[in-house]
PDB file of N, CA and C in Angstrom:
ATOM      1  N   MET A   1    -100.295 -51.231  57.352  1.00  0.00           N
ATOM      2  CA  MET A   1     -98.951 -51.168  56.776  1.00  0.00           C
ATOM      3  C   MET A   1     -98.680 -52.462  56.045  1.00  0.00           C
ATOM      4  N   ALA A   2     -98.950 -53.746  56.676  1.00  0.00           N
ATOM      5  CA  ALA A   2     -98.654 -54.889  56.061  1.00  0.00           C
ATOM      6  C   ALA A   2     -99.410 -55.178  54.924  1.00  0.00           C
ATOM      7  N   LYS A   3    -100.804 -54.689  54.923  1.00  0.00           N
ATOM      8  CA  LYS A   3    -101.473 -55.012  53.765  1.00  0.00           C
ATOM      9  C   LYS A   3    -101.228 -54.141  52.580  1.00  0.00           C
ATOM     10  N   ARG A   4    -100.304 -53.205  52.894  1.00  0.00           N
ATOM     11  CA  ARG A   4     -99.815 -52.311  51.848  1.00  0.00           C
ATOM     12  C   ARG A   4     -98.385 -52.774  51.444  1.00  0.00           C
ATOM     13  N   GLY A   5     -97.976 -53.917  51.914  1.00  0.00           N
ATOM     14  CA  GLY A   5     -96.542 -54.568  51.479  1.00  0.00           C
ATOM     15  C   GLY A   5     -95.443 -53.765  52.211  1.00  0.00           C
ATOM     16  N   ARG A   6     -95.719 -53.196  53.302  1.00  0.00           N
ATOM     17  CA  ARG A   6     -94.563 -52.707  54.153  1.00  0.00           C
ATOM     18  C   ARG A   6     -94.179 -53.640  55.252  1.00  0.00           C
ATOM     19  N   PRO A   7     -92.874 -53.965  55.421  1.00  0.00           N
ATOM     20  CA  PRO A   7     -92.706 -55.036  56.640  1.00  0.00           C
ATOM     21  C   PRO A   7     -93.077 -54.235  57.833  1.00  0.00           C
ATOM     22  N   THR A   8     -93.706 -55.138  58.614  1.00  0.00           N
ATOM     23  CA  THR A   8     -94.430 -54.827  59.803  1.00  0.00           C
ATOM     24  C   THR A   8     -94.286 -55.644  60.730  1.00  0.00           C
ATOM     25  N   VAL A   9     -94.230 -55.219  62.183  1.00  0.00           N
ATOM     26  CA  VAL A   9     -94.204 -56.164  63.172  1.00  0.00           C
ATOM     27  C   VAL A   9     -95.131 -55.412  64.261  1.00  0.00           C
ATOM     28  N   ALA A  10     -96.239 -56.238  64.753  1.00  0.00           N
ATOM     29  CA  ALA A  10     -97.098 -55.810  65.762  1.00  0.00           C
ATOM     30  C   ALA A  10     -96.515 -55.761  66.985  1.00  0.00           C
ATOM     31  N   LEU A  11     -96.689 -54.887  67.912  1.00  0.00           N
ATOM     32  CA  LEU A  11     -96.226 -54.948  69.292  1.00  0.00           C
ATOM     33  C   LEU A  11     -97.454 -55.211  70.118  1.00  0.00           C
ATOM     34  N   VAL A  12     -97.360 -56.153  70.764  1.00  0.00           N
ATOM     35  CA  VAL A  12     -98.501 -56.743  71.699  1.00  0.00           C
ATOM     36  C   VAL A  12     -98.046 -57.036  73.022  1.00  0.00           C
ATOM     37  N   THR A  13     -98.660 -56.369  74.052  1.00  0.00           N
ATOM     38  CA  THR A  13     -98.392 -56.733  75.419  1.00  0.00           C
ATOM     39  C   THR A  13     -98.843 -58.085  75.902  1.00  0.00           C
ATOM     40  N   ASP A  14     -98.293 -58.679  76.992  1.00  0.00           N
ATOM     41  CA  ASP A  14     -98.540 -59.953  77.534  1.00  0.00           C
ATOM     42  C   ASP A  14    -100.070 -60.004  77.629  1.00  0.00           C
ATOM     43  N   GLN A  15    -100.634 -59.122  78.188  1.00  0.00           N
ATOM     44  CA  GLN A  15    -102.161 -59.175  78.478  1.00  0.00           C
ATOM     45  C   GLN A  15    -103.021 -59.404  77.271  1.00  0.00           C
ATOM     46  N   PHE A  16    -102.606 -58.905  76.206  1.00  0.00           N
ATOM     47  CA  PHE A  16    -103.371 -58.912  75.067  1.00  0.00           C
ATOM     48  C   PHE A  16    -102.944 -59.877  73.900  1.00  0.00           C
ATOM     49  N   TRP A  17    -102.104 -60.900  74.292  1.00  0.00           N
ATOM     50  CA  TRP A  17    -101.422 -61.547  73.317  1.00  0.00           C
ATOM     51  C   TRP A  17    -102.291 -62.482  72.631  1.00  0.00           C
ATOM     52  N   SER A  18    -103.402 -63.108  73.248  1.00  0.00           N
ATOM     53  CA  SER A  18    -104.313 -64.096  72.819  1.00  0.00           C
ATOM     54  C   SER A  18    -105.351 -63.213  71.734  1.00  0.00           C
ATOM     55  N   GLN A  19    -105.553 -62.000  72.308  1.00  0.00           N
ATOM     56  CA  GLN A  19    -106.432 -61.121  71.419  1.00  0.00           C
ATOM     57  C   GLN A  19    -105.741 -60.780  70.080  1.00  0.00           C
ATOM     58  N   GLY A  20    -104.430 -60.654  70.154  1.00  0.00           N
ATOM     59  CA  GLY A  20    -103.479 -60.412  68.991  1.00  0.00           C
ATOM     60  C   GLY A  20    -103.742 -61.492  68.046  1.00  0.00           C
ATOM     61  N   ASP A  21    -103.854 -62.832  68.368  1.00  0.00           N
ATOM     62  CA  ASP A  21    -104.043 -63.883  67.539  1.00  0.00           C
ATOM     63  C   ASP A  21    -105.310 -63.759  66.803  1.00  0.00           C
ATOM     64  N   PHE A  22    -106.321 -63.368  67.597  1.00  0.00           N
ATOM     65  CA  PHE A  22    -107.720 -63.255  66.902  1.00  0.00           C
ATOM     66  C   PHE A  22    -107.687 -61.960  65.976  1.00  0.00           C
ATOM     67  N   VAL A  23    -107.122 -61.050  66.458  1.00  0.00           N
ATOM     68  CA  VAL A  23    -107.217 -59.830  65.485  1.00  0.00           C
ATOM     69  C   VAL A  23    -106.414 -60.005  64.127  1.00  0.00           C
ATOM     70  N   ALA A  24    -105.469 -60.665  64.363  1.00  0.00           N
ATOM     71  CA  ALA A  24    -104.547 -60.879  63.048  1.00  0.00           C
ATOM     72  C   ALA A  24    -105.119 -61.988  62.136  1.00  0.00           C
ATOM     73  N   GLY A  25    -105.772 -62.850  62.810  1.00  0.00           N
ATOM     74  CA  GLY A  25    -106.549 -63.782  62.068  1.00  0.00           C
ATOM     75  C   GLY A  25    -107.864 -63.307  61.423  1.00  0.00           C
ATOM     76  N   ALA A  26    -108.442 -62.322  62.072  1.00  0.00           N
ATOM     77  CA  ALA A  26    -109.645 -61.694  61.546  1.00  0.00           C
ATOM     78  C   ALA A  26    -109.435 -60.813  60.556  1.00  0.00           C
ATOM     79  N   ALA A  27    -108.035 -60.259  60.528  1.00  0.00           N
ATOM     80  CA  ALA A  27    -107.618 -59.267  59.526  1.00  0.00           C
ATOM     81  C   ALA A  27    -106.996 -59.970  58.236  1.00  0.00           C
ATOM     82  N   GLY A  28    -107.063 -61.291  58.182  1.00  0.00           N
ATOM     83  CA  GLY A  28    -106.447 -62.016  57.246  1.00  0.00           C
ATOM     84  C   GLY A  28    -104.978 -62.036  57.247  1.00  0.00           C
ATOM     85  N   MET A  29    -104.406 -61.926  58.268  1.00  0.00           N
ATOM     86  CA  MET A  29    -102.792 -61.990  58.524  1.00  0.00           C
ATOM     87  C   MET A  29    -102.485 -62.791  59.671  1.00  0.00           C
ATOM     88  N   PRO A  30    -102.769 -63.934  59.791  1.00  0.00           N
ATOM     89  CA  PRO A  30    -102.450 -64.808  60.783  1.00  0.00           C
ATOM     90  C   PRO A  30    -101.062 -64.880  61.195  1.00  0.00           C
ATOM     91  N   ASP A  31    -100.263 -64.746  60.040  1.00  0.00           N
ATOM     92  CA  ASP A  31     -98.741 -64.951  60.161  1.00  0.00           C
ATOM     93  C   ASP A  31     -98.021 -63.584  60.639  1.00  0.00           C
ATOM     94  N   LEU A  32     -98.718 -62.531  60.795  1.00  0.00           N
ATOM     95  CA  LEU A  32     -98.135 -61.222  60.913  1.00  0.00           C
ATOM     96  C   LEU A  32     -97.156 -61.374  62.217  1.00  0.00           C
ATOM     97  N   PRO A  33     -95.964 -61.008  61.935  1.00  0.00           N
ATOM     98  CA  PRO A  33     -94.871 -60.975  63.003  1.00  0.00           C
ATOM     99  C   PRO A  33     -95.415 -60.182  64.017  1.00  0.00           C
ATOM    100  N   ARG A  34     -95.275 -60.728  65.217  1.00  0.00           N
ATOM    101  CA  ARG A  34     -95.403 -59.921  66.598  1.00  0.00           C
ATOM    102  C   ARG A  34     -94.466 -60.070  67.451  1.00  0.00           C
ATOM    103  N   HIS A  35     -94.277 -59.107  68.205  1.00  0.00           N
ATOM    104  CA  HIS A  35     -93.249 -59.006  69.535  1.00  0.00           C
ATOM    105  C   HIS A  35     -94.067 -58.721  70.837  1.00  0.00           C
ATOM    106  N   ARG A  36     -93.824 -59.598  71.642  1.00  0.00           N
ATOM    107  CA  ARG A  36     -94.558 -59.508  73.042  1.00  0.00           C
ATOM    108  C   ARG A  36     -93.678 -58.580  74.012  1.00  0.00           C
ATOM    109  N   LEU A  37     -94.591 -57.618  74.433  1.00  0.00           N
ATOM    110  CA  LEU A  37     -93.996 -56.682  75.427  1.00  0.00           C
ATOM    111  C   LEU A  37     -94.592 -56.806  76.868  1.00  0.00           C
ATOM    112  N   PRO A  38     -93.972 -56.435  77.827  1.00  0.00           N
ATOM    113  CA  PRO A  38     -94.654 -56.568  79.128  1.00  0.00           C
ATOM    114  C   PRO A  38     -95.742 -55.670  79.290  1.00  0.00           C
ATOM    115  N   HIS A  39     -96.550 -55.923  80.078  1.00  0.00           N
ATOM    116  CA  HIS A  39     -97.752 -55.053  80.304  1.00  0.00           C
ATOM    117  C   HIS A  39     -97.669 -54.603  81.653  1.00  0.00           C
ATOM    118  N   PRO A  40     -97.915 -53.212  81.964  1.00  0.00           N
ATOM    119  CA  PRO A  40     -98.339 -52.134  80.788  1.00  0.00           C
ATOM    120  C   PRO A  40     -97.238 -51.457  80.288  1.00  0.00           C
ATOM    121  N   VAL A  41     -97.415 -51.055  79.108  1.00  0.00           N
ATOM    122  CA  VAL A  41     -96.384 -50.123  78.602  1.00  0.00           C
ATOM    123  C   VAL A  41     -96.687 -48.646  78.665  1.00  0.00           C
ATOM    124  N   ALA A  42     -97.981 -48.308  78.220  1.00  0.00           N
ATOM    125  CA  ALA A  42     -98.294 -47.032  78.264  1.00  0.00           C
ATOM    126  C   ALA A  42     -98.547 -46.462  79.754  1.00  0.00           C
ATOM    127  N   GLY A  43     -98.276 -45.388  79.805  1.00  0.00           N
ATOM    128  CA  GLY A  43     -98.222 -44.793  81.275  1.00  0.00           C
ATOM    129  C   GLY A  43     -97.154 -45.142  82.233  1.00  0.00           C
ATOM    130  N   SER A  44     -96.208 -46.048  81.705  1.00  0.00           N
ATOM    131  CA  SER A  44     -95.078 -46.471  82.479  1.00  0.00           C
ATOM    132  C   SER A  44     -93.870 -45.522  82.660  1.00  0.00           C
ATOM    133  N   GLY A  45     -94.077 -44.309  81.955  1.00  0.00           N
ATOM    134  CA  GLY A  45     -92.955 -43.322  82.059  1.00  0.00           C
ATOM    135  C   GLY A  45     -91.900 -43.320  80.981  1.00  0.00           C
ATOM    136  N   LYS A  46     -91.480 -42.300  80.776  1.00  0.00           N
ATOM    137  CA  LYS A  46     -90.575 -41.866  79.710  1.00  0.00           C
ATOM    138  C   LYS A  46     -89.283 -42.789  79.778  1.00  0.00           C
ATOM    139  N   ASP A  47     -88.776 -42.988  81.094  1.00  0.00           N
ATOM    140  CA  ASP A  47     -87.536 -43.622  81.032  1.00  0.00           C
ATOM    141  C   ASP A  47     -87.765 -45.084  80.929  1.00  0.00           C
ATOM    142  N   ASN A  48     -88.722 -45.667  81.330  1.00  0.00           N
ATOM    143  CA  ASN A  48     -89.214 -47.103  81.256  1.00  0.00           C
ATOM    144  C   ASN A  48     -89.265 -47.407  79.677  1.00  0.00           C
ATOM    145  N   MET A  49     -90.087 -46.569  79.067  1.00  0.00           N
ATOM    146  CA  MET A  49     -90.376 -46.675  77.567  1.00  0.00           C
ATOM    147  C   MET A  49     -89.082 -46.628  76.826  1.00  0.00           C
ATOM    148  N   SER A  50     -88.227 -45.760  77.171  1.00  0.00           N
ATOM    149  CA  SER A  50     -86.898 -45.653  76.507  1.00  0.00           C
ATOM    150  C   SER A  50     -86.152 -46.966  76.567  1.00  0.00           C
ATOM    151  N   ALA A  51     -86.010 -47.411  77.876  1.00  0.00           N
ATOM    152  CA  ALA A  51     -85.198 -48.603  78.329  1.00  0.00           C
ATOM    153  C   ALA A  51     -85.856 -49.762  77.439  1.00  0.00           C
ATOM    154  N   LEU A  52     -87.110 -49.827  77.410  1.00  0.00           N
ATOM    155  CA  LEU A  52     -87.838 -50.960  76.677  1.00  0.00           C
ATOM    156  C   LEU A  52     -87.573 -50.881  75.165  1.00  0.00           C
ATOM    157  N   ALA A  53     -87.402 -49.587  74.602  1.00  0.00           N
ATOM    158  CA  ALA A  53     -87.011 -49.508  73.303  1.00  0.00           C
ATOM    159  C   ALA A  53     -85.748 -49.822  72.950  1.00  0.00           C
ATOM    160  N   ASP A  54     -84.998 -49.566  73.921  1.00  0.00           N
ATOM    161  CA  ASP A  54     -83.365 -49.878  73.794  1.00  0.00           C
ATOM    162  C   ASP A  54     -83.227 -51.516  73.703  1.00  0.00           C
ATOM    163  N   THR A  55     -83.994 -52.169  74.666  1.00  0.00           N
ATOM    164  CA  THR A  55     -83.998 -53.554  74.634  1.00  0.00           C
ATOM    165  C   THR A  55     -84.457 -54.217  73.603  1.00  0.00           C
ATOM    166  N   ILE A  56     -85.430 -53.644  72.878  1.00  0.00           N
ATOM    167  CA  ILE A  56     -86.131 -54.428  71.661  1.00  0.00           C
ATOM    168  C   ILE A  56     -85.862 -53.881  70.303  1.00  0.00           C
ATOM    169  N   ALA A  57     -84.977 -52.798  70.290  1.00  0.00           N
ATOM    170  CA  ALA A  57     -84.815 -52.206  68.928  1.00  0.00           C
ATOM    171  C   ALA A  57     -84.189 -53.391  68.016  1.00  0.00           C
ATOM    172  N   ASP A  58     -83.055 -53.955  68.305  1.00  0.00           N
ATOM    173  CA  ASP A  58     -82.200 -54.812  67.520  1.00  0.00           C
ATOM    174  C   ASP A  58     -83.150 -56.044  67.048  1.00  0.00           C
ATOM    175  N   GLN A  59     -83.995 -56.509  68.116  1.00  0.00           N
ATOM    176  CA  GLN A  59     -84.948 -57.672  67.593  1.00  0.00           C
ATOM    177  C   GLN A  59     -86.006 -57.318  66.790  1.00  0.00           C
ATOM    178  N   LEU A  60     -86.612 -55.935  66.842  1.00  0.00           N
ATOM    179  CA  LEU A  60     -87.339 -55.441  65.804  1.00  0.00           C
ATOM    180  C   LEU A  60     -86.777 -55.394  64.455  1.00  0.00           C
ATOM    181  N   ILE A  61     -85.853 -54.783  64.312  1.00  0.00           N
ATOM    182  CA  ILE A  61     -85.116 -54.631  62.956  1.00  0.00           C
ATOM    183  C   ILE A  61     -84.642 -55.940  62.459  1.00  0.00           C
ATOM    184  N   ALA A  62     -84.275 -56.927  63.162  1.00  0.00           N
ATOM    185  CA  ALA A  62     -84.164 -58.363  62.622  1.00  0.00           C
ATOM    186  C   ALA A  62     -85.287 -59.009  62.017  1.00  0.00           C
ATOM    187  N   THR A  63     -86.330 -58.783  62.801  1.00  0.00           N
ATOM    188  CA  THR A  63     -87.595 -59.353  62.289  1.00  0.00           C
ATOM    189  C   THR A  63     -88.058 -58.537  61.222  1.00  0.00           C
ATOM    190  N   LEU A  64     -87.933 -57.356  60.937  1.00  0.00           N
ATOM    191  CA  LEU A  64     -88.472 -56.652  59.835  1.00  0.00           C
ATOM    192  C   LEU A  64     -87.425 -57.136  58.627  1.00  0.00           C
ATOM    193  N   ARG A  65     -86.395 -57.242  58.820  1.00  0.00           N
ATOM    194  CA  ARG A  65     -85.470 -57.718  57.764  1.00  0.00           C
ATOM    195  C   ARG A  65     -85.826 -59.004  57.212  1.00  0.00           C
ATOM    196  N   ASN A  66     -86.478 -59.812  58.009  1.00  0.00           N
ATOM    197  CA  ASN A  66     -86.889 -61.201  57.672  1.00  0.00           C
ATOM    198  C   ASN A  66     -88.209 -61.384  57.149  1.00  0.00           C
ATOM    199  N   VAL A  67     -88.999 -60.190  57.148  1.00  0.00           N
ATOM    200  CA  VAL A  67     -90.381 -60.312  56.669  1.00  0.00           C
ATOM    201  C   VAL A  67     -90.262 -60.422  55.177  1.00  0.00           C
ATOM    202  N   PRO A  68     -91.055 -61.494  54.631  1.00  0.00           N
ATOM    203  CA  PRO A  68     -91.126 -61.820  53.207  1.00  0.00           C
ATOM    204  C   PRO A  68     -91.574 -60.513  52.399  1.00  0.00           C
ATOM    205  N   ALA A  69     -91.086 -60.507  51.190  1.00  0.00           N
ATOM    206  CA  ALA A  69     -91.890 -59.308  50.297  1.00  0.00           C
ATOM    207  C   ALA A  69     -93.215 -60.010  49.836  1.00  0.00           C
ATOM    208  N   PRO A  70     -94.071 -59.015  49.607  1.00  0.00           N
ATOM    209  CA  PRO A  70     -95.333 -59.386  49.156  1.00  0.00           C
ATOM    210  C   PRO A  70     -95.348 -60.088  47.930  1.00  0.00           C
ATOM    211  N   ALA A  71     -96.178 -60.802  47.717  1.00  0.00           N
ATOM    212  CA  ALA A  71     -96.431 -61.631  46.279  1.00  0.00           C
ATOM    213  C   ALA A  71     -96.884 -60.724  45.223  1.00  0.00           C
TER     214      ALA A  71
END
């Protein structure tokens, strides 16, 4: 989505944060905004995922609003 000019935030868990640096750089997007999540998220249950979404939603929206428009 970022390469198509859409505001994007990558969600990356603690365990994979350093790999996120590598992947973003390899994709030519080292400055892609990312948000760090606790690990694990998958399989943590609907209630936990809902609570996490409630916690980070405002932060993600603020980040997306600040992503520069493509050149």
